[in-house]
Amino acid sequence: MEVRQQIRELLVDVFGGPSFVSGVHDAVSLREAGVPSTALVALLVAMEDAFGFEWDDDVRPEVLRSIDSLAGHVVAVGS
């Protein structure tokens, strides 16, 4: 399954439903789209479990911006 789609599914699980997530474009800022910080933290933890890595303490904020940037990070870490 494509990384972006997996992240979307995790976001649905964390955010509580597909209706919101289906309207969020991959490049849109998650914060601007209305994802609260608590949901973002839960998403990051879920991503660690799903993709088998741990976030570095010094991860750049732009990595956490959108589904695209999160997917790019997952791909880079997995390489």
N, C-alpha and C. Protein backbone atom coordinates (compact mmCIF):
# COMPACT_ATOMS: atom_id res chain seq x y z
N MET A 1 0.84 -1.19 0.00
CA MET A 1 0.00 0.00 0.00
C MET A 1 0.89 1.25 0.00
N GLU A 2 0.45 2.24 -0.70
CA GLU A 2 1.20 3.48 -0.78
C GLU A 2 1.29 4.15 0.60
N VAL A 3 2.45 4.73 0.88
CA VAL A 3 2.70 5.35 2.18
C VAL A 3 1.67 6.44 2.48
N ARG A 4 1.36 7.28 1.51
CA ARG A 4 0.37 8.35 1.75
C ARG A 4 -0.98 7.77 2.18
N GLN A 5 -1.38 6.70 1.53
CA GLN A 5 -2.66 6.09 1.86
C GLN A 5 -2.63 5.49 3.27
N GLN A 6 -1.51 4.89 3.64
CA GLN A 6 -1.38 4.35 4.99
C GLN A 6 -1.46 5.47 6.03
N ILE A 7 -0.82 6.59 5.74
CA ILE A 7 -0.88 7.73 6.66
C ILE A 7 -2.31 8.24 6.77
N ARG A 8 -3.01 8.31 5.66
CA ARG A 8 -4.41 8.74 5.68
C ARG A 8 -5.25 7.79 6.56
N GLU A 9 -5.03 6.50 6.43
CA GLU A 9 -5.78 5.53 7.23
C GLU A 9 -5.47 5.69 8.72
N LEU A 10 -4.20 5.94 9.03
CA LEU A 10 -3.83 6.18 10.43
C LEU A 10 -4.50 7.45 10.94
N LEU A 11 -4.55 8.48 10.10
CA LEU A 11 -5.17 9.74 10.49
C LEU A 11 -6.67 9.55 10.71
N VAL A 12 -7.30 8.73 9.90
CA VAL A 12 -8.72 8.41 10.11
C VAL A 12 -8.91 7.76 11.46
N ASP A 13 -8.05 6.80 11.78
CA ASP A 13 -8.16 6.11 13.08
C ASP A 13 -7.98 7.08 14.24
N VAL A 14 -6.99 7.96 14.12
CA VAL A 14 -6.67 8.91 15.19
C VAL A 14 -7.71 10.01 15.29
N PHE A 15 -8.18 10.48 14.14
CA PHE A 15 -9.07 11.64 14.11
C PHE A 15 -10.52 11.26 14.30
N GLY A 16 -10.83 9.97 14.12
CA GLY A 16 -12.17 9.52 14.44
C GLY A 16 -13.14 9.42 13.28
N GLY A 17 -12.67 9.42 12.08
CA GLY A 17 -13.59 9.23 10.96
C GLY A 17 -13.04 9.70 9.64
N PRO A 18 -13.52 9.10 8.56
CA PRO A 18 -12.99 9.41 7.23
C PRO A 18 -13.53 10.69 6.60
N SER A 19 -14.62 11.23 7.10
CA SER A 19 -15.23 12.38 6.42
C SER A 19 -14.29 13.58 6.38
N PHE A 20 -13.60 13.87 7.47
CA PHE A 20 -12.66 14.99 7.50
C PHE A 20 -11.45 14.70 6.63
N VAL A 21 -10.85 13.54 6.81
CA VAL A 21 -9.60 13.21 6.15
C VAL A 21 -9.76 13.15 4.64
N SER A 22 -10.91 12.70 4.16
CA SER A 22 -11.11 12.58 2.72
C SER A 22 -11.05 13.94 2.02
N GLY A 23 -11.30 15.02 2.74
CA GLY A 23 -11.25 16.35 2.14
C GLY A 23 -9.90 17.06 2.25
N VAL A 24 -8.92 16.39 2.86
CA VAL A 24 -7.60 17.01 3.05
C VAL A 24 -6.67 16.56 1.94
N HIS A 25 -6.18 17.53 1.16
CA HIS A 25 -5.23 17.23 0.08
C HIS A 25 -3.88 16.88 0.69
N ASP A 26 -3.12 16.04 0.01
CA ASP A 26 -1.83 15.57 0.52
C ASP A 26 -0.84 16.69 0.83
N ALA A 27 -0.91 17.80 0.10
CA ALA A 27 0.06 18.88 0.27
C ALA A 27 -0.40 19.96 1.25
N VAL A 28 -1.62 19.88 1.73
CA VAL A 28 -2.18 20.91 2.62
C VAL A 28 -1.60 20.75 4.02
N SER A 29 -1.32 21.87 4.66
CA SER A 29 -0.86 21.86 6.05
C SER A 29 -1.92 21.21 6.92
N LEU A 30 -1.51 20.21 7.69
CA LEU A 30 -2.46 19.54 8.57
C LEU A 30 -3.00 20.49 9.63
N ARG A 31 -2.16 21.37 10.11
CA ARG A 31 -2.62 22.36 11.11
C ARG A 31 -3.67 23.28 10.50
N GLU A 32 -3.41 23.78 9.29
CA GLU A 32 -4.38 24.66 8.63
C GLU A 32 -5.67 23.92 8.28
N ALA A 33 -5.56 22.60 8.06
CA ALA A 33 -6.74 21.81 7.75
C ALA A 33 -7.59 21.54 8.99
N GLY A 34 -7.03 21.83 10.17
CA GLY A 34 -7.81 21.67 11.39
C GLY A 34 -7.44 20.48 12.25
N VAL A 35 -6.30 19.85 11.96
CA VAL A 35 -5.87 18.73 12.79
C VAL A 35 -5.29 19.30 14.09
N PRO A 36 -5.88 18.97 15.23
CA PRO A 36 -5.37 19.49 16.49
C PRO A 36 -4.03 18.84 16.85
N SER A 37 -3.26 19.53 17.66
CA SER A 37 -1.92 19.03 18.02
C SER A 37 -2.00 17.66 18.69
N THR A 38 -3.02 17.41 19.48
CA THR A 38 -3.14 16.10 20.14
C THR A 38 -3.33 14.99 19.11
N ALA A 39 -4.08 15.26 18.06
CA ALA A 39 -4.27 14.26 17.00
C ALA A 39 -2.99 14.07 16.21
N LEU A 40 -2.23 15.15 16.00
CA LEU A 40 -0.96 15.03 15.28
C LEU A 40 0.02 14.17 16.07
N VAL A 41 0.10 14.39 17.37
CA VAL A 41 0.99 13.58 18.22
C VAL A 41 0.57 12.11 18.15
N ALA A 42 -0.72 11.85 18.25
CA ALA A 42 -1.22 10.48 18.17
C ALA A 42 -0.90 9.87 16.80
N LEU A 43 -0.98 10.67 15.74
CA LEU A 43 -0.63 10.20 14.40
C LEU A 43 0.84 9.83 14.34
N LEU A 44 1.71 10.66 14.90
CA LEU A 44 3.14 10.38 14.87
C LEU A 44 3.47 9.08 15.61
N VAL A 45 2.82 8.85 16.73
CA VAL A 45 3.02 7.60 17.48
C VAL A 45 2.52 6.42 16.65
N ALA A 46 1.36 6.56 16.03
CA ALA A 46 0.81 5.49 15.20
C ALA A 46 1.72 5.20 14.01
N MET A 47 2.33 6.25 13.46
CA MET A 47 3.26 6.06 12.34
C MET A 47 4.50 5.28 12.78
N GLU A 48 4.99 5.55 13.98
CA GLU A 48 6.14 4.79 14.49
C GLU A 48 5.80 3.30 14.53
N ASP A 49 4.63 2.98 15.03
CA ASP A 49 4.21 1.58 15.12
C ASP A 49 4.00 0.96 13.74
N ALA A 50 3.35 1.69 12.86
CA ALA A 50 3.01 1.16 11.54
C ALA A 50 4.22 0.99 10.63
N PHE A 51 5.15 1.94 10.71
CA PHE A 51 6.28 1.93 9.78
C PHE A 51 7.59 1.46 10.41
N GLY A 52 7.59 1.21 11.72
CA GLY A 52 8.75 0.63 12.38
C GLY A 52 9.96 1.54 12.51
N PHE A 53 9.73 2.78 12.89
CA PHE A 53 10.84 3.71 13.15
C PHE A 53 10.47 4.60 14.32
N GLU A 54 11.45 5.33 14.83
CA GLU A 54 11.19 6.31 15.89
C GLU A 54 11.55 7.69 15.38
N TRP A 55 10.72 8.66 15.73
CA TRP A 55 10.99 10.04 15.35
C TRP A 55 12.20 10.55 16.11
N ASP A 56 13.08 11.26 15.42
CA ASP A 56 14.21 11.92 16.07
C ASP A 56 13.70 13.13 16.83
N ASP A 57 14.36 13.45 17.94
CA ASP A 57 13.98 14.63 18.72
C ASP A 57 14.19 15.91 17.94
N ASP A 58 15.10 15.89 16.97
CA ASP A 58 15.42 17.11 16.22
C ASP A 58 14.81 17.11 14.81
N VAL A 59 13.70 16.41 14.63
CA VAL A 59 13.05 16.41 13.32
C VAL A 59 12.62 17.84 12.96
N ARG A 60 12.86 18.21 11.72
CA ARG A 60 12.51 19.55 11.25
C ARG A 60 10.99 19.72 11.21
N PRO A 61 10.48 20.87 11.66
CA PRO A 61 9.03 21.10 11.69
C PRO A 61 8.35 20.93 10.33
N GLU A 62 9.04 21.26 9.26
CA GLU A 62 8.42 21.14 7.93
C GLU A 62 8.13 19.68 7.56
N VAL A 63 8.81 18.73 8.20
CA VAL A 63 8.55 17.32 7.96
C VAL A 63 7.15 16.95 8.46
N LEU A 64 6.69 17.64 9.48
CA LEU A 64 5.41 17.32 10.11
C LEU A 64 4.25 18.11 9.51
N ARG A 65 4.49 18.83 8.44
CA ARG A 65 3.52 19.78 7.90
C ARG A 65 2.31 19.12 7.22
N SER A 66 2.56 18.14 6.37
CA SER A 66 1.47 17.61 5.53
C SER A 66 1.62 16.11 5.35
N ILE A 67 0.63 15.51 4.73
CA ILE A 67 0.71 14.09 4.42
C ILE A 67 1.87 13.84 3.48
N ASP A 68 2.07 14.71 2.49
CA ASP A 68 3.20 14.57 1.57
C ASP A 68 4.53 14.58 2.30
N SER A 69 4.72 15.55 3.20
CA SER A 69 6.01 15.66 3.89
C SER A 69 6.21 14.48 4.85
N LEU A 70 5.16 14.03 5.50
CA LEU A 70 5.26 12.86 6.37
C LEU A 70 5.63 11.62 5.56
N ALA A 71 4.99 11.45 4.41
CA ALA A 71 5.29 10.30 3.55
C ALA A 71 6.73 10.35 3.04
N GLY A 72 7.18 11.53 2.68
CA GLY A 72 8.57 11.67 2.23
C GLY A 72 9.55 11.27 3.31
N HIS A 73 9.25 11.61 4.54
CA HIS A 73 10.12 11.25 5.66
C HIS A 73 10.13 9.72 5.85
N VAL A 74 8.98 9.11 5.79
CA VAL A 74 8.89 7.65 5.94
C VAL A 74 9.71 6.95 4.87
N VAL A 75 9.60 7.41 3.64
CA VAL A 75 10.35 6.82 2.54
C VAL A 75 11.85 7.01 2.75
N ALA A 76 12.25 8.21 3.18
CA ALA A 76 13.67 8.49 3.41
C ALA A 76 14.24 7.64 4.55
N VAL A 77 13.46 7.46 5.61
CA VAL A 77 13.91 6.67 6.75
C VAL A 77 14.02 5.20 6.37
N GLY A 78 13.12 4.76 5.51
CA GLY A 78 13.11 3.37 5.10
C GLY A 78 14.16 3.01 4.07
N SER A 79 14.81 4.00 3.50
CA SER A 79 15.81 3.74 2.45
C SER A 79 17.13 3.34 3.03
